[in-house]
């Protein structure tokens, strides 16, 4: 089945929107994870605080990379990178709602690859 240029652009635009939404969800998850450490009634120990801060920092960085990459889904390399970022962010995901972000990134990368290869 051949895709014409209009279908290819539509699929690529869908991948960009899904990548942007997934990146924003991951970015918000990282910020909320960082803020959750200070929302408790007691001060967490230093090792717990460092652990929370490390995971939150990784999620923020992965979210920023995903937002940046979603704007540049012009080649297969960017799509593969989007899948990799989604898989890494899924590994660090914590809550039910925030697992939607990495899943959106993986789907965006797959849709981008299919639209480029078709």
Protein backbone atom coordinates (compact mmCIF):
# COMPACT_ATOMS: atom_id res chain seq x y z
CA UNK A 1 0.00 0.00 0.00
CA UNK A 2 1.46 3.31 -1.08
CA UNK A 3 1.06 6.48 0.93
CA UNK A 4 0.75 9.71 -0.98
CA UNK A 5 2.35 12.93 0.24
CA UNK A 6 -0.76 14.17 2.03
CA UNK A 7 -1.12 10.95 4.02
CA UNK A 8 2.59 10.97 4.81
CA UNK A 9 2.44 14.55 6.10
CA UNK A 10 -0.65 13.75 8.16
CA UNK A 11 1.04 10.75 9.75
CA UNK A 12 4.17 12.79 10.45
CA UNK A 13 2.08 15.57 12.01
CA UNK A 14 0.31 12.99 14.18
CA UNK A 15 3.71 11.66 15.29
CA UNK A 16 4.86 15.19 16.14
CA UNK A 17 1.77 15.93 18.22
CA UNK A 18 2.02 12.60 20.03
CA UNK A 19 5.72 13.18 20.69
CA UNK A 20 5.08 16.67 22.00
CA UNK A 21 2.30 15.49 24.31
CA UNK A 22 4.39 12.57 25.54
CA UNK A 23 7.38 14.81 26.17
CA UNK A 24 5.28 17.30 28.11
CA UNK A 25 3.76 14.52 30.25
CA UNK A 26 7.25 13.22 31.05
CA UNK A 27 8.48 16.73 31.81
CA UNK A 28 5.57 17.39 34.16
CA UNK A 29 6.09 14.00 35.81
CA UNK A 30 9.73 14.90 36.51
CA UNK A 31 8.85 18.27 38.01
CA UNK A 32 6.09 16.80 40.16
CA UNK A 33 8.39 14.01 41.28
CA UNK A 34 10.94 16.57 42.40
CA UNK A 35 8.34 18.64 44.21
CA UNK A 36 6.88 15.58 45.93
CA UNK A 37 10.03 15.19 48.00
CA UNK A 38 9.29 18.48 49.76
CA UNK A 39 5.58 17.86 50.23
CA UNK A 40 5.97 15.54 53.19
CA UNK A 41 5.62 16.46 56.84
CA UNK A 42 9.09 15.21 57.61
CA UNK A 43 12.42 15.85 55.98
CA UNK A 44 13.51 12.76 54.03
CA UNK A 45 16.96 11.34 54.56
CA UNK A 46 19.71 12.46 52.26
CA UNK A 47 19.89 9.21 50.30
CA UNK A 48 16.13 9.25 49.63
CA UNK A 49 16.32 12.91 48.60
CA UNK A 50 19.22 12.23 46.23
CA UNK A 51 17.40 9.24 44.76
CA UNK A 52 14.22 11.26 44.15
CA UNK A 53 16.20 14.18 42.72
CA UNK A 54 18.14 11.88 40.37
CA UNK A 55 15.03 10.23 38.94
CA UNK A 56 13.27 13.59 38.66
CA UNK A 57 16.26 15.14 36.89
CA UNK A 58 16.39 12.22 34.45
CA UNK A 59 12.69 12.57 33.69
CA UNK A 60 13.02 16.32 33.13
CA UNK A 61 15.96 15.80 30.78
CA UNK A 62 14.18 13.01 28.89
CA UNK A 63 11.07 15.19 28.63
CA UNK A 64 13.09 18.08 27.20
CA UNK A 65 14.83 15.77 24.72
CA UNK A 66 11.46 14.36 23.66
CA UNK A 67 9.96 17.84 23.13
CA UNK A 68 13.04 18.87 21.14
CA UNK A 69 13.02 15.68 19.07
CA UNK A 70 9.29 15.89 18.36
CA UNK A 71 9.89 19.11 16.46
CA UNK A 72 12.53 17.43 14.30
CA UNK A 73 10.96 14.16 13.21
CA UNK A 74 12.32 14.62 9.71
CA UNK A 75 14.48 11.52 9.55
CA UNK A 76 14.44 7.95 10.71
CA UNK A 77 17.23 8.67 13.20
CA UNK A 78 15.07 11.13 15.12
CA UNK A 79 12.23 8.61 15.19
CA UNK A 80 14.50 5.89 16.54
CA UNK A 81 15.79 8.32 19.16
CA UNK A 82 12.19 9.09 20.12
CA UNK A 83 11.55 5.37 20.67
CA UNK A 84 14.70 5.12 22.79
CA UNK A 85 13.72 8.12 24.92
CA UNK A 86 10.26 6.63 25.38
CA UNK A 87 11.69 3.30 26.52
CA UNK A 88 14.07 5.00 28.95
CA UNK A 89 11.33 7.22 30.34
CA UNK A 90 9.06 4.19 30.74
CA UNK A 91 11.76 2.61 32.88
CA UNK A 92 11.78 5.63 35.22
CA UNK A 93 8.00 6.17 35.20
CA UNK A 94 6.32 5.91 38.58
CA UNK A 95 2.59 6.54 38.39
CA UNK A 96 -0.27 5.29 36.26
CA UNK A 97 -0.96 8.57 34.47
CA UNK A 98 2.68 9.24 33.70
CA UNK A 99 3.10 5.96 31.84
CA UNK A 100 1.05 7.49 29.03
CA UNK A 101 3.92 9.84 28.12
CA UNK A 102 6.50 7.16 27.28
CA UNK A 103 3.88 5.10 25.46
CA UNK A 104 3.01 8.15 23.34
CA UNK A 105 6.70 8.64 22.54
CA UNK A 106 7.17 5.05 21.42
CA UNK A 107 4.04 5.22 19.27
CA UNK A 108 5.16 8.56 17.81
CA UNK A 109 8.51 7.07 16.86
CA UNK A 110 6.87 4.05 15.25
CA UNK A 111 4.40 6.22 13.31
CA UNK A 112 7.27 8.46 12.20
CA UNK A 113 9.29 5.49 10.93
CA UNK A 114 6.28 4.04 9.11
CA UNK A 115 5.53 7.41 7.48
CA UNK A 116 9.14 7.76 6.33
CA UNK A 117 9.49 4.22 5.04
CA UNK A 118 6.15 4.05 3.24
